[in-house]
PDB file of N, CA and C in Angstrom:
ATOM      1  N   MET A   1     -91.341 -64.520 129.074  1.00  0.00           N
ATOM      2  CA  MET A   1     -90.338 -65.561 129.205  1.00  0.00           C
ATOM      3  C   MET A   1     -90.533 -66.552 128.070  1.00  0.00           C
ATOM      4  N   VAL A   2     -89.438 -66.892 127.403  1.00  0.00           N
ATOM      5  CA  VAL A   2     -89.455 -67.889 126.341  1.00  0.00           C
ATOM      6  C   VAL A   2     -89.179 -69.246 126.972  1.00  0.00           C
ATOM      7  N   ARG A   3     -89.967 -70.243 126.610  1.00  0.00           N
ATOM      8  CA  ARG A   3     -89.811 -71.609 127.120  1.00  0.00           C
ATOM      9  C   ARG A   3     -89.518 -72.513 125.924  1.00  0.00           C
ATOM     10  N   VAL A   4     -88.397 -73.250 126.026  1.00  0.00           N
ATOM     11  CA  VAL A   4     -87.962 -74.098 124.919  1.00  0.00           C
ATOM     12  C   VAL A   4     -87.730 -75.508 125.428  1.00  0.00           C
ATOM     13  N   LYS A   5     -88.296 -76.495 124.743  1.00  0.00           N
ATOM     14  CA  LYS A   5     -88.029 -77.902 125.048  1.00  0.00           C
ATOM     15  C   LYS A   5     -86.659 -78.256 124.478  1.00  0.00           C
ATOM     16  N   THR A   6     -85.884 -79.020 125.229  1.00  0.00           N
ATOM     17  CA  THR A   6     -84.563 -79.424 124.773  1.00  0.00           C
ATOM     18  C   THR A   6     -84.603 -80.817 124.167  1.00  0.00           C
ATOM     19  N   SER A   7     -83.496 -81.205 123.545  1.00  0.00           N
ATOM     20  CA  SER A   7     -83.408 -82.517 122.929  1.00  0.00           C
ATOM     21  C   SER A   7     -82.004 -83.086 123.153  1.00  0.00           C
ATOM     22  N   GLY A   8     -81.930 -84.306 123.666  1.00  0.00           N
ATOM     23  CA  GLY A   8     -80.658 -84.992 123.804  1.00  0.00           C
ATOM     24  C   GLY A   8     -79.817 -84.581 124.999  1.00  0.00           C
ATOM     25  N   VAL A   9     -80.419 -83.874 125.961  1.00  0.00           N
ATOM     26  CA  VAL A   9     -79.680 -83.432 127.152  1.00  0.00           C
ATOM     27  C   VAL A   9     -80.486 -83.732 128.407  1.00  0.00           C
ATOM     28  N   CYS A  10     -79.856 -83.568 129.555  1.00  0.00           N
ATOM     29  CA  CYS A  10     -80.522 -83.868 130.825  1.00  0.00           C
ATOM     30  C   CYS A  10     -81.615 -82.857 131.169  1.00  0.00           C
ATOM     31  N   ALA A  11     -81.385 -81.589 130.899  1.00  0.00           N
ATOM     32  CA  ALA A  11     -82.412 -80.576 131.160  1.00  0.00           C
ATOM     33  C   ALA A  11     -83.571 -80.788 130.185  1.00  0.00           C
ATOM     34  N   SER A  12     -84.786 -80.696 130.686  1.00  0.00           N
ATOM     35  CA  SER A  12     -85.955 -80.913 129.819  1.00  0.00           C
ATOM     36  C   SER A  12     -86.417 -79.635 129.125  1.00  0.00           C
ATOM     37  N   GLU A  13     -86.117 -78.497 129.745  1.00  0.00           N
ATOM     38  CA  GLU A  13     -86.522 -77.207 129.182  1.00  0.00           C
ATOM     39  C   GLU A  13     -85.506 -76.136 129.567  1.00  0.00           C
ATOM     40  N   ILE A  14     -85.515 -75.075 128.764  1.00  0.00           N
ATOM     41  CA  ILE A  14     -84.748 -73.884 129.101  1.00  0.00           C
ATOM     42  C   ILE A  14     -85.698 -72.703 128.991  1.00  0.00           C
ATOM     43  N   LEU A  15     -85.699 -71.863 130.001  1.00  0.00           N
ATOM     44  CA  LEU A  15     -86.503 -70.639 129.986  1.00  0.00           C
ATOM     45  C   LEU A  15     -85.547 -69.457 129.964  1.00  0.00           C
ATOM     46  N   PHE A  16     -85.851 -68.450 129.156  1.00  0.00           N
ATOM     47  CA  PHE A  16     -84.978 -67.282 129.117  1.00  0.00           C
ATOM     48  C   PHE A  16     -85.751 -66.041 128.716  1.00  0.00           C
ATOM     49  N   GLU A  17     -85.144 -64.896 129.044  1.00  0.00           N
ATOM     50  CA  GLU A  17     -85.671 -63.598 128.641  1.00  0.00           C
ATOM     51  C   GLU A  17     -84.535 -62.800 128.019  1.00  0.00           C
ATOM     52  N   ILE A  18     -84.897 -62.017 127.004  1.00  0.00           N
ATOM     53  CA  ILE A  18     -83.951 -61.136 126.328  1.00  0.00           C
ATOM     54  C   ILE A  18     -84.553 -59.743 126.319  1.00  0.00           C
ATOM     55  N   GLU A  19     -83.748 -58.757 126.672  1.00  0.00           N
ATOM     56  CA  GLU A  19     -84.175 -57.361 126.594  1.00  0.00           C
ATOM     57  C   GLU A  19     -83.064 -56.565 125.930  1.00  0.00           C
ATOM     58  N   GLU A  20     -83.420 -55.822 124.906  1.00  0.00           N
ATOM     59  CA  GLU A  20     -82.476 -54.976 124.182  1.00  0.00           C
ATOM     60  C   GLU A  20     -81.237 -55.752 123.747  1.00  0.00           C
ATOM     61  N   GLY A  21     -81.440 -56.988 123.273  1.00  0.00           N
ATOM     62  CA  GLY A  21     -80.353 -57.799 122.743  1.00  0.00           C
ATOM     63  C   GLY A  21     -79.477 -58.472 123.777  1.00  0.00           C
ATOM     64  N   LYS A  22     -79.841 -58.331 125.066  1.00  0.00           N
ATOM     65  CA  LYS A  22     -79.048 -58.948 126.129  1.00  0.00           C
ATOM     66  C   LYS A  22     -79.896 -59.936 126.926  1.00  0.00           C
ATOM     67  N   ILE A  23     -79.236 -60.967 127.413  1.00  0.00           N
ATOM     68  CA  ILE A  23     -79.917 -61.994 128.204  1.00  0.00           C
ATOM     69  C   ILE A  23     -80.140 -61.453 129.608  1.00  0.00           C
ATOM     70  N   THR A  24     -81.388 -61.490 130.060  1.00  0.00           N
ATOM     71  CA  THR A  24     -81.704 -60.966 131.387  1.00  0.00           C
ATOM     72  C   THR A  24     -82.076 -62.059 132.382  1.00  0.00           C
ATOM     73  N   GLN A  25     -82.420 -63.234 131.865  1.00  0.00           N
ATOM     74  CA  GLN A  25     -82.784 -64.333 132.756  1.00  0.00           C
ATOM     75  C   GLN A  25     -82.628 -65.647 132.018  1.00  0.00           C
ATOM     76  N   VAL A  26     -82.124 -66.679 132.713  1.00  0.00           N
ATOM     77  CA  VAL A  26     -82.000 -68.030 132.155  1.00  0.00           C
ATOM     78  C   VAL A  26     -82.270 -69.019 133.274  1.00  0.00           C
ATOM     79  N   GLU A  27     -83.061 -70.038 132.959  1.00  0.00           N
ATOM     80  CA  GLU A  27     -83.333 -71.105 133.922  1.00  0.00           C
ATOM     81  C   GLU A  27     -83.393 -72.430 133.175  1.00  0.00           C
ATOM     82  N   PHE A  28     -82.645 -73.405 133.662  1.00  0.00           N
ATOM     83  CA  PHE A  28     -82.685 -74.751 133.111  1.00  0.00           C
ATOM     84  C   PHE A  28     -83.587 -75.590 134.004  1.00  0.00           C
ATOM     85  N   VAL A  29     -84.490 -76.358 133.402  1.00  0.00           N
ATOM     86  CA  VAL A  29     -85.376 -77.249 134.153  1.00  0.00           C
ATOM     87  C   VAL A  29     -84.791 -78.649 134.065  1.00  0.00           C
ATOM     88  N   GLY A  30     -84.316 -79.162 135.197  1.00  0.00           N
ATOM     89  CA  GLY A  30     -83.650 -80.453 135.215  1.00  0.00           C
ATOM     90  C   GLY A  30     -82.170 -80.286 134.913  1.00  0.00           C
ATOM     91  N   GLY A  31     -81.490 -81.402 134.750  1.00  0.00           N
ATOM     92  CA  GLY A  31     -80.058 -81.355 134.492  1.00  0.00           C
ATOM     93  C   GLY A  31     -79.271 -81.143 135.770  1.00  0.00           C
ATOM     94  N   CYS A  32     -78.017 -80.776 135.637  1.00  0.00           N
ATOM     95  CA  CYS A  32     -77.124 -80.569 136.772  1.00  0.00           C
ATOM     96  C   CYS A  32     -77.312 -79.166 137.323  1.00  0.00           C
ATOM     97  N   PRO A  33     -77.880 -79.031 138.513  1.00  0.00           N
ATOM     98  CA  PRO A  33     -78.183 -77.699 139.049  1.00  0.00           C
ATOM     99  C   PRO A  33     -76.974 -76.788 139.169  1.00  0.00           C
ATOM    100  N   GLY A  34     -75.854 -77.307 139.638  1.00  0.00           N
ATOM    101  CA  GLY A  34     -74.670 -76.463 139.809  1.00  0.00           C
ATOM    102  C   GLY A  34     -74.186 -75.871 138.495  1.00  0.00           C
ATOM    103  N   ASN A  35     -74.066 -76.718 137.477  1.00  0.00           N
ATOM    104  CA  ASN A  35     -73.624 -76.229 136.167  1.00  0.00           C
ATOM    105  C   ASN A  35     -74.640 -75.268 135.566  1.00  0.00           C
ATOM    106  N   ALA A  36     -75.901 -75.588 135.691  1.00  0.00           N
ATOM    107  CA  ALA A  36     -76.944 -74.739 135.110  1.00  0.00           C
ATOM    108  C   ALA A  36     -76.973 -73.365 135.772  1.00  0.00           C
ATOM    109  N   ILE A  37     -76.890 -73.336 137.084  1.00  0.00           N
ATOM    110  CA  ILE A  37     -76.902 -72.062 137.801  1.00  0.00           C
ATOM    111  C   ILE A  37     -75.636 -71.271 137.481  1.00  0.00           C
ATOM    112  N   GLY A  38     -74.499 -71.955 137.466  1.00  0.00           N
ATOM    113  CA  GLY A  38     -73.240 -71.281 137.145  1.00  0.00           C
ATOM    114  C   GLY A  38     -73.258 -70.674 135.756  1.00  0.00           C
ATOM    115  N   LEU A  39     -73.703 -71.447 134.772  1.00  0.00           N
ATOM    116  CA  LEU A  39     -73.789 -70.944 133.405  1.00  0.00           C
ATOM    117  C   LEU A  39     -74.749 -69.772 133.330  1.00  0.00           C
ATOM    118  N   SER A  40     -75.900 -69.907 133.942  1.00  0.00           N
ATOM    119  CA  SER A  40     -76.896 -68.825 133.923  1.00  0.00           C
ATOM    120  C   SER A  40     -76.312 -67.544 134.500  1.00  0.00           C
ATOM    121  N   ASN A  41     -75.640 -67.650 135.642  1.00  0.00           N
ATOM    122  CA  ASN A  41     -75.050 -66.471 136.276  1.00  0.00           C
ATOM    123  C   ASN A  41     -73.992 -65.817 135.390  1.00  0.00           C
ATOM    124  N   MET A  42     -73.253 -66.622 134.645  1.00  0.00           N
ATOM    125  CA  MET A  42     -72.181 -66.086 133.809  1.00  0.00           C
ATOM    126  C   MET A  42     -72.687 -65.346 132.581  1.00  0.00           C
ATOM    127  N   ILE A  43     -73.854 -65.710 132.076  1.00  0.00           N
ATOM    128  CA  ILE A  43     -74.300 -65.097 130.816  1.00  0.00           C
ATOM    129  C   ILE A  43     -75.342 -63.997 130.989  1.00  0.00           C
ATOM    130  N   ILE A  44     -75.838 -63.789 132.195  1.00  0.00           N
ATOM    131  CA  ILE A  44     -76.787 -62.696 132.427  1.00  0.00           C
ATOM    132  C   ILE A  44     -76.095 -61.378 132.091  1.00  0.00           C
ATOM    133  N   GLY A  45     -76.754 -60.564 131.289  1.00  0.00           N
ATOM    134  CA  GLY A  45     -76.204 -59.274 130.892  1.00  0.00           C
ATOM    135  C   GLY A  45     -75.370 -59.319 129.622  1.00  0.00           C
ATOM    136  N   GLU A  46     -75.089 -60.516 129.129  1.00  0.00           N
ATOM    137  CA  GLU A  46     -74.294 -60.663 127.905  1.00  0.00           C
ATOM    138  C   GLU A  46     -75.172 -60.517 126.666  1.00  0.00           C
ATOM    139  N   ALA A  47     -74.564 -60.077 125.578  1.00  0.00           N
ATOM    140  CA  ALA A  47     -75.267 -59.970 124.296  1.00  0.00           C
ATOM    141  C   ALA A  47     -75.592 -61.366 123.777  1.00  0.00           C
ATOM    142  N   VAL A  48     -76.778 -61.511 123.218  1.00  0.00           N
ATOM    143  CA  VAL A  48     -77.225 -62.814 122.706  1.00  0.00           C
ATOM    144  C   VAL A  48     -76.229 -63.364 121.691  1.00  0.00           C
ATOM    145  N   GLU A  49     -75.753 -62.539 120.765  1.00  0.00           N
ATOM    146  CA  GLU A  49     -74.829 -62.997 119.727  1.00  0.00           C
ATOM    147  C   GLU A  49     -73.541 -63.546 120.330  1.00  0.00           C
ATOM    148  N   THR A  50     -73.043 -62.915 121.365  1.00  0.00           N
ATOM    149  CA  THR A  50     -71.815 -63.354 122.029  1.00  0.00           C
ATOM    150  C   THR A  50     -72.008 -64.724 122.671  1.00  0.00           C
ATOM    151  N   VAL A  51     -73.112 -64.901 123.359  1.00  0.00           N
ATOM    152  CA  VAL A  51     -73.393 -66.167 124.037  1.00  0.00           C
ATOM    153  C   VAL A  51     -73.582 -67.282 123.013  1.00  0.00           C
ATOM    154  N   VAL A  52     -74.305 -67.026 121.950  1.00  0.00           N
ATOM    155  CA  VAL A  52     -74.513 -68.037 120.905  1.00  0.00           C
ATOM    156  C   VAL A  52     -73.171 -68.475 120.335  1.00  0.00           C
ATOM    157  N   ALA A  53     -72.308 -67.522 120.019  1.00  0.00           N
ATOM    158  CA  ALA A  53     -70.998 -67.848 119.436  1.00  0.00           C
ATOM    159  C   ALA A  53     -70.155 -68.704 120.375  1.00  0.00           C
ATOM    160  N   LYS A  54     -70.209 -68.432 121.660  1.00  0.00           N
ATOM    161  CA  LYS A  54     -69.399 -69.164 122.633  1.00  0.00           C
ATOM    162  C   LYS A  54     -69.942 -70.552 122.957  1.00  0.00           C
ATOM    163  N   LEU A  55     -71.260 -70.735 122.885  1.00  0.00           N
ATOM    164  CA  LEU A  55     -71.867 -71.984 123.372  1.00  0.00           C
ATOM    165  C   LEU A  55     -72.351 -72.942 122.294  1.00  0.00           C
ATOM    166  N   LYS A  56     -72.426 -72.504 121.049  1.00  0.00           N
ATOM    167  CA  LYS A  56     -73.096 -73.305 120.021  1.00  0.00           C
ATOM    168  C   LYS A  56     -72.476 -74.675 119.758  1.00  0.00           C
ATOM    169  N   ASP A  57     -71.176 -74.824 119.962  1.00  0.00           N
ATOM    170  CA  ASP A  57     -70.527 -76.093 119.640  1.00  0.00           C
ATOM    171  C   ASP A  57     -70.081 -76.894 120.863  1.00  0.00           C
ATOM    172  N   VAL A  58     -70.591 -76.558 122.041  1.00  0.00           N
ATOM    173  CA  VAL A  58     -70.219 -77.269 123.264  1.00  0.00           C
ATOM    174  C   VAL A  58     -70.862 -78.662 123.259  1.00  0.00           C
ATOM    175  N   LYS A  59     -70.063 -79.671 123.543  1.00  0.00           N
ATOM    176  CA  LYS A  59     -70.547 -81.051 123.610  1.00  0.00           C
ATOM    177  C   LYS A  59     -70.511 -81.523 125.055  1.00  0.00           C
ATOM    178  N   CYS A  60     -71.349 -82.499 125.390  1.00  0.00           N
ATOM    179  CA  CYS A  60     -71.390 -83.069 126.735  1.00  0.00           C
ATOM    180  C   CYS A  60     -71.070 -84.559 126.626  1.00  0.00           C
ATOM    181  N   GLY A  61     -69.915 -84.948 127.145  1.00  0.00           N
ATOM    182  CA  GLY A  61     -69.521 -86.352 127.069  1.00  0.00           C
ATOM    183  C   GLY A  61     -69.489 -86.825 125.631  1.00  0.00           C
ATOM    184  N   GLY A  62     -70.120 -87.937 125.350  1.00  0.00           N
ATOM    185  CA  GLY A  62     -70.156 -88.478 123.997  1.00  0.00           C
ATOM    186  C   GLY A  62     -71.319 -87.975 123.168  1.00  0.00           C
ATOM    187  N   LYS A  63     -72.079 -87.030 123.705  1.00  0.00           N
ATOM    188  CA  LYS A  63     -73.239 -86.494 122.986  1.00  0.00           C
ATOM    189  C   LYS A  63     -72.793 -85.455 121.958  1.00  0.00           C
ATOM    190  N   ASN A  64     -73.618 -85.249 120.946  1.00  0.00           N
ATOM    191  CA  ASN A  64     -73.340 -84.223 119.943  1.00  0.00           C
ATOM    192  C   ASN A  64     -73.897 -82.865 120.347  1.00  0.00           C
ATOM    193  N   THR A  65     -74.413 -82.751 121.545  1.00  0.00           N
ATOM    194  CA  THR A  65     -75.006 -81.508 122.024  1.00  0.00           C
ATOM    195  C   THR A  65     -74.761 -81.398 123.523  1.00  0.00           C
ATOM    196  N   SER A  66     -75.286 -80.347 124.118  1.00  0.00           N
ATOM    197  CA  SER A  66     -75.166 -80.122 125.559  1.00  0.00           C
ATOM    198  C   SER A  66     -76.235 -79.120 125.950  1.00  0.00           C
ATOM    199  N   CYS A  67     -76.408 -78.916 127.238  1.00  0.00           N
ATOM    200  CA  CYS A  67     -77.354 -77.880 127.673  1.00  0.00           C
ATOM    201  C   CYS A  67     -76.934 -76.495 127.163  1.00  0.00           C
ATOM    202  N   PRO A  68     -75.636 -76.132 127.242  1.00  0.00           N
ATOM    203  CA  PRO A  68     -75.244 -74.843 126.678  1.00  0.00           C
ATOM    204  C   PRO A  68     -75.516 -74.751 125.169  1.00  0.00           C
ATOM    205  N   SER A  69     -75.253 -75.819 124.453  1.00  0.00           N
ATOM    206  CA  SER A  69     -75.507 -75.822 123.010  1.00  0.00           C
ATOM    207  C   SER A  69     -77.000 -75.691 122.711  1.00  0.00           C
ATOM    208  N   GLN A  70     -77.833 -76.372 123.494  1.00  0.00           N
ATOM    209  CA  GLN A  70     -79.280 -76.257 123.320  1.00  0.00           C
ATOM    210  C   GLN A  70     -79.750 -74.824 123.578  1.00  0.00           C
ATOM    211  N   LEU A  71     -79.138 -74.175 124.570  1.00  0.00           N
ATOM    212  CA  LEU A  71     -79.448 -72.773 124.839  1.00  0.00           C
ATOM    213  C   LEU A  71     -79.045 -71.912 123.652  1.00  0.00           C
ATOM    214  N   ALA A  72     -77.866 -72.140 123.100  1.00  0.00           N
ATOM    215  CA  ALA A  72     -77.404 -71.365 121.945  1.00  0.00           C
ATOM    216  C   ALA A  72     -78.366 -71.512 120.757  1.00  0.00           C
ATOM    217  N   ILE A  73     -78.823 -72.722 120.525  1.00  0.00           N
ATOM    218  CA  ILE A  73     -79.768 -72.969 119.429  1.00  0.00           C
ATOM    219  C   ILE A  73     -81.055 -72.169 119.658  1.00  0.00           C
ATOM    220  N   ALA A  74     -81.560 -72.235 120.875  1.00  0.00           N
ATOM    221  CA  ALA A  74     -82.797 -71.508 121.199  1.00  0.00           C
ATOM    222  C   ALA A  74     -82.599 -70.000 121.081  1.00  0.00           C
ATOM    223  N   LEU A  75     -81.480 -69.495 121.603  1.00  0.00           N
ATOM    224  CA  LEU A  75     -81.216 -68.051 121.538  1.00  0.00           C
ATOM    225  C   LEU A  75     -81.056 -67.561 120.104  1.00  0.00           C
ATOM    226  N   SER A  76     -80.437 -68.381 119.264  1.00  0.00           N
ATOM    227  CA  SER A  76     -80.189 -67.963 117.882  1.00  0.00           C
ATOM    228  C   SER A  76     -81.484 -67.713 117.113  1.00  0.00           C
ATOM    229  N   LYS A  77     -82.552 -68.307 117.549  1.00  0.00           N
ATOM    230  CA  LYS A  77     -83.847 -68.094 116.907  1.00  0.00           C
ATOM    231  C   LYS A  77     -84.457 -66.755 117.307  1.00  0.00           C
ATOM    232  N   HIS A  78     -83.832 -66.068 118.270  1.00  0.00           N
ATOM    233  CA  HIS A  78     -84.367 -64.807 118.765  1.00  0.00           C
ATOM    234  C   HIS A  78     -83.425 -63.632 118.501  1.00  0.00           C
ATOM    235  N   ILE A  79     -82.460 -63.842 117.622  1.00  0.00           N
ATOM    236  CA  ILE A  79     -81.524 -62.757 117.265  1.00  0.00           C
ATOM    237  C   ILE A  79     -82.191 -61.842 116.253  1.00  0.00           C
TER     238      ILE A  79
END
């Protein structure tokens, strides 16, 4: 399991696993549980490249980043 510290968002960490180029597990530590669980459920089984492309520019409120964007940044380092 990869553990990544986040920056500028409510979740303090994101944990994920990748197997054969696909996301097999995602967990957000902190943040909004409903959104985090929903997002995690939606991307399980998806190709890392697809998820990065869809989430990399997501903003949260007035912030320049978001939990999905932080996940995309972390995943892109494992492509």
